[in-house]
Protein backbone atom coordinates (compact mmCIF):
# COMPACT_ATOMS: atom_id res chain seq x y z
CA MET A 1 -12.72 -67.21 -148.82
CA HIS A 2 -15.53 -65.09 -150.84
CA ASN A 3 -18.79 -66.56 -151.79
CA LYS A 4 -21.01 -66.00 -154.34
CA GLN A 5 -23.86 -63.56 -153.86
CA GLN A 6 -26.84 -65.86 -152.75
CA LYS A 7 -29.66 -65.04 -155.08
CA ILE A 8 -33.37 -65.48 -153.40
CA LEU A 9 -36.77 -64.96 -155.34
CA ILE A 10 -39.91 -64.44 -153.38
CA VAL A 11 -43.21 -65.24 -154.83
CA SER A 12 -46.61 -64.43 -153.86
CA ALA A 13 -49.99 -63.93 -155.45
CA THR A 14 -50.72 -60.77 -153.82
CA HIS A 15 -49.12 -57.21 -152.45
CA LYS A 16 -51.06 -57.86 -149.25
CA GLU A 17 -49.01 -60.92 -148.89
CA MET A 18 -45.78 -59.78 -150.08
CA ASP A 19 -45.81 -56.77 -147.89
CA ILE A 20 -44.93 -58.80 -144.88
CA VAL A 21 -41.54 -59.36 -145.82
CA SER A 22 -39.42 -56.60 -144.15
CA GLU A 23 -35.61 -55.86 -144.98
CA ILE A 24 -33.24 -58.02 -143.20
CA SER A 25 -32.01 -55.91 -140.11
CA ALA A 26 -28.48 -55.97 -141.11
CA PRO A 27 -27.20 -55.50 -144.94
CA ASN A 28 -26.21 -58.84 -146.30
CA THR A 29 -23.98 -58.62 -149.44
CA GLU A 30 -23.89 -62.26 -149.78
CA LEU A 31 -27.82 -62.27 -150.09
CA GLU A 32 -29.62 -60.76 -153.07
CA ILE A 33 -33.78 -60.76 -152.55
CA ASP A 34 -35.93 -60.34 -155.63
CA LYS A 35 -39.75 -59.96 -155.39
CA LEU A 36 -42.54 -61.18 -157.62
CA VAL A 37 -46.03 -60.60 -157.11
CA THR A 38 -47.75 -62.80 -159.52
CA GLY A 39 -51.72 -62.26 -159.58
CA ILE A 40 -54.17 -64.84 -157.93
CA GLY A 41 -54.30 -68.01 -159.69
CA THR A 42 -52.62 -70.91 -161.45
CA ALA A 43 -52.61 -69.32 -164.96
CA PHE A 44 -50.75 -66.12 -163.88
CA THR A 45 -48.40 -67.48 -161.44
CA ILE A 46 -47.28 -70.21 -163.95
CA PHE A 47 -46.70 -67.41 -166.67
CA HIS A 48 -45.09 -64.90 -164.26
CA LEU A 49 -42.67 -67.57 -162.47
CA GLN A 50 -41.72 -69.02 -165.47
CA ASN A 51 -40.93 -65.45 -167.22
CA GLN A 52 -38.75 -64.62 -164.49
CA LEU A 53 -36.88 -67.89 -164.04
CA LEU A 54 -35.95 -67.67 -168.17
CA LYS A 55 -34.23 -64.78 -167.25
CA LYS A 56 -32.50 -65.17 -163.94
CA LYS A 57 -31.58 -68.14 -161.94
CA TYR A 58 -31.95 -68.49 -157.99
CA ASP A 59 -30.31 -70.24 -155.20
CA LEU A 60 -33.35 -70.58 -153.91
CA ILE A 61 -37.05 -69.68 -154.38
CA LEU A 62 -39.83 -68.80 -151.95
CA ASN A 63 -43.72 -69.07 -152.16
CA ILE A 64 -45.59 -67.47 -149.53
CA GLY A 65 -48.90 -66.78 -149.07
CA ILE A 66 -52.06 -67.55 -146.82
CA CYS A 67 -54.64 -70.18 -147.28
CA GLY A 68 -57.95 -72.27 -146.37
CA SER A 69 -57.53 -75.44 -144.21
CA PHE A 70 -59.76 -78.41 -144.21
CA GLN A 71 -58.46 -79.63 -140.94
CA CYS A 72 -59.73 -78.31 -137.53
CA ARG A 73 -56.64 -79.46 -135.67
CA PHE A 74 -54.68 -76.80 -137.44
CA PRO A 75 -55.50 -73.42 -135.72
CA ILE A 76 -56.12 -70.15 -137.65
CA GLY A 77 -52.81 -68.51 -137.99
CA ILE A 78 -50.73 -71.21 -137.92
CA THR A 79 -47.80 -71.33 -140.33
CA GLY A 80 -46.48 -74.26 -142.09
CA ILE A 81 -44.85 -75.61 -145.30
CA VAL A 82 -46.25 -77.60 -147.84
CA THR A 83 -44.72 -80.87 -148.77
CA GLU A 84 -47.21 -82.01 -151.05
CA ASP A 85 -49.48 -80.47 -153.48
CA CYS A 86 -51.77 -81.18 -156.64
CA PHE A 87 -53.61 -79.85 -159.52
CA ALA A 88 -57.01 -80.98 -157.42
CA ASP A 89 -59.25 -79.14 -160.37
CA LEU A 90 -57.81 -80.84 -163.16
CA ALA A 91 -60.51 -83.40 -163.39
CA ILE A 92 -63.69 -84.61 -164.43
CA GLN A 93 -66.55 -84.35 -161.81
CA GLU A 94 -69.72 -86.44 -161.85
CA GLU A 95 -72.60 -87.14 -159.26
CA ASN A 96 -70.63 -87.40 -156.38
CA LYS A 97 -67.52 -88.41 -157.91
CA LEU A 98 -64.27 -86.94 -159.19
CA THR A 99 -61.83 -88.36 -161.30
CA ASP A 100 -58.45 -86.99 -162.22
CA MET A 101 -56.44 -86.96 -164.87
CA PHE A 102 -54.19 -89.33 -163.74
CA GLU A 103 -56.81 -92.00 -162.91
CA MET A 104 -58.15 -91.36 -166.42
CA GLY A 105 -55.02 -92.31 -167.57
CA TYR A 106 -54.27 -89.03 -169.51
CA ILE A 107 -51.15 -88.44 -167.47
CA ASN A 108 -48.71 -90.70 -166.05
CA HIS A 109 -48.82 -90.44 -162.17
CA ASN A 110 -45.38 -90.75 -161.71
CA LEU A 111 -44.14 -88.74 -165.06
CA PHE A 112 -41.72 -86.25 -163.79
CA PRO A 113 -42.31 -83.86 -162.09
CA PHE A 114 -45.12 -86.09 -160.48
CA SER A 115 -44.40 -88.81 -157.96
CA GLU A 116 -48.06 -90.74 -157.50
CA GLY A 117 -49.89 -87.54 -159.06
CA LYS A 118 -48.40 -85.48 -156.64
CA LEU A 119 -45.95 -82.94 -156.79
CA LYS A 120 -43.77 -83.54 -153.32
CA ASN A 121 -41.29 -80.94 -151.90
CA GLU A 122 -38.85 -81.46 -148.61
CA TYR A 123 -36.15 -78.71 -149.51
CA HIS A 124 -37.33 -77.28 -146.36
CA LYS A 125 -35.38 -79.85 -144.12
CA ASN A 126 -32.16 -77.69 -145.11
CA TYR A 127 -33.30 -75.24 -142.77
CA PRO A 128 -33.66 -75.16 -138.77
CA THR A 129 -36.51 -72.29 -138.72
CA LEU A 130 -38.46 -74.38 -141.47
CA ALA A 131 -37.97 -77.94 -140.73
CA SER A 132 -39.32 -77.05 -137.17
CA LEU A 133 -43.00 -75.83 -138.90
CA PRO A 134 -45.76 -78.23 -139.28
CA THR A 135 -46.08 -79.38 -142.87
CA PHE A 136 -49.12 -79.46 -144.80
CA ASN A 137 -50.55 -81.88 -147.68
CA ALA A 138 -52.32 -79.00 -149.91
CA ILE A 139 -54.38 -78.97 -152.87
CA THR A 140 -54.33 -76.25 -155.68
CA CYS A 141 -57.91 -74.82 -157.43
CA ASN A 142 -58.90 -72.03 -159.17
CA THR A 143 -62.17 -71.52 -157.61
CA VAL A 144 -62.31 -71.51 -153.34
CA HIS A 145 -64.27 -73.77 -152.24
CA GLY A 146 -67.47 -72.61 -150.10
CA GLU A 147 -70.20 -74.73 -150.81
CA LYS A 148 -70.70 -78.11 -148.54
CA THR A 149 -71.17 -80.33 -151.67
CA MET A 150 -68.09 -79.34 -152.86
CA ILE A 151 -66.37 -79.24 -150.09
CA LYS A 152 -67.25 -82.92 -148.96
CA LEU A 153 -66.47 -83.87 -152.59
CA PHE A 154 -62.55 -82.77 -152.28
CA GLU A 155 -61.96 -83.18 -149.01
CA ARG A 156 -62.86 -86.88 -149.47
CA LYS A 157 -61.20 -87.32 -152.70
CA TYR A 158 -57.85 -85.69 -151.59
CA HIS A 159 -57.79 -85.70 -147.61
CA ALA A 160 -55.90 -82.54 -147.91
CA ASP A 161 -54.81 -80.40 -145.11
CA ILE A 162 -55.00 -76.98 -147.03
CA GLU A 163 -55.95 -75.32 -150.21
CA THR A 164 -54.57 -72.48 -152.34
CA MET A 165 -54.76 -71.16 -155.63
CA GLU A 166 -51.32 -71.12 -156.86
CA GLY A 167 -49.18 -74.05 -155.01
CA ALA A 168 -48.74 -76.62 -157.60
CA GLY A 169 -48.35 -74.33 -160.45
CA PHE A 170 -45.57 -72.75 -158.51
CA PHE A 171 -43.86 -76.34 -157.39
CA TYR A 172 -44.41 -77.60 -161.12
CA VAL A 173 -42.61 -74.59 -162.77
CA CYS A 174 -39.84 -74.87 -160.01
CA SER A 175 -39.25 -78.43 -160.49
CA GLU A 176 -39.71 -78.21 -164.45
CA LEU A 177 -36.78 -75.68 -164.27
CA LYS A 178 -34.85 -77.51 -161.61
CA GLN A 179 -35.01 -74.71 -159.03
CA ALA A 180 -34.90 -75.12 -155.45
CA CYS A 181 -38.04 -74.20 -153.52
CA VAL A 182 -40.30 -73.87 -150.48
CA GLN A 183 -43.80 -73.43 -150.03
CA ILE A 184 -44.72 -71.48 -146.95
CA ARG A 185 -48.50 -71.34 -145.76
CA SER A 186 -50.49 -69.45 -143.21
CA ILE A 187 -54.01 -70.22 -142.34
CA SER A 188 -56.39 -67.57 -142.64
CA ASN A 189 -59.57 -69.54 -142.32
CA TYR A 190 -61.40 -72.69 -142.83
CA VAL A 191 -62.86 -74.20 -145.80
CA GLU A 192 -66.32 -74.26 -144.90
CA PRO A 193 -69.41 -72.52 -146.10
CA ARG A 194 -68.09 -68.98 -146.68
CA ASN A 195 -68.38 -66.94 -143.47
CA GLU A 196 -65.33 -63.82 -143.58
CA LYS A 197 -66.34 -63.30 -139.77
CA ASN A 198 -64.50 -66.45 -139.03
CA TRP A 199 -61.48 -65.58 -141.09
CA ASN A 200 -58.48 -63.92 -138.99
CA ILE A 201 -56.07 -62.72 -142.37
CA SER A 202 -54.38 -60.04 -139.99
CA LEU A 203 -53.22 -63.07 -137.59
CA ALA A 204 -52.02 -65.31 -140.76
CA LEU A 205 -50.11 -62.34 -142.39
CA ASN A 206 -48.26 -61.39 -139.10
CA ASN A 207 -47.35 -65.26 -138.11
CA LEU A 208 -46.22 -65.84 -141.96
CA GLY A 209 -43.99 -62.69 -141.75
CA LEU A 210 -42.66 -63.94 -138.45
CA VAL A 211 -41.36 -67.19 -140.14
CA VAL A 212 -40.29 -65.72 -143.21
CA ASN A 213 -38.24 -62.99 -142.03
CA SER A 214 -36.57 -65.43 -139.21
CA PHE A 215 -35.80 -67.54 -142.38
CA LEU A 216 -34.26 -64.99 -144.33
CA LYS A 217 -31.95 -63.85 -141.37
CA GLU A 218 -31.04 -67.88 -140.96
CA PHE A 219 -30.56 -68.11 -144.71
CA GLY A 220 -28.36 -65.17 -144.74
CA SER A 221 -26.27 -65.94 -141.69
CA LYS A 222 -25.67 -69.01 -142.91
CA GLN A 223 -24.26 -67.94 -146.15
CA GLU A 224 -21.91 -65.77 -143.90
CA SER A 225 -20.57 -68.55 -142.36
CA LEU A 226 -19.74 -70.49 -145.17
């Protein structure tokens, strides 16, 4: 039986992150891949992703990119799957305290697509390549943290593994438009007072590319075998 062509959209904030996605080695007529570079930050991600999804529907959407980690137990370069994310800076800041909009009562913490104030996703479990990866609890902020007091404030508040500038926006749009999605992130640095000497962006991008391209081959092979 001939199966309909499977459509995947790959979303990244920058061209440097998108460039790690190579073509699948063997052309697959059952797999169509579109790429969308949104720009850095939540607003740009939401606008451009929503605009794309209102024009075309996909079988799966991947958000790929590098990130900073709060947890030293994750080595720099490790690639994993984000299963929980939130708009961490949608909050009110006071002296040594951060209160989010859910706690303030402005948003119901279980109002779709939120669950306990989080955007949760476990679609990766459908695919062995992704299911074998570590999982991350993430926060999304429009400002990267590089000052000790603020790092401690956000770490204490959310107990997060990683932070990005787009993830929650990606999850929010996909959930609202009922699109299956997965967020894949590779750690390039630790969240600490800014010191680029400790970063390894090339390693993070290389490892991200290995995971993404392995998954695309798996996804294409899965469609052929249906």
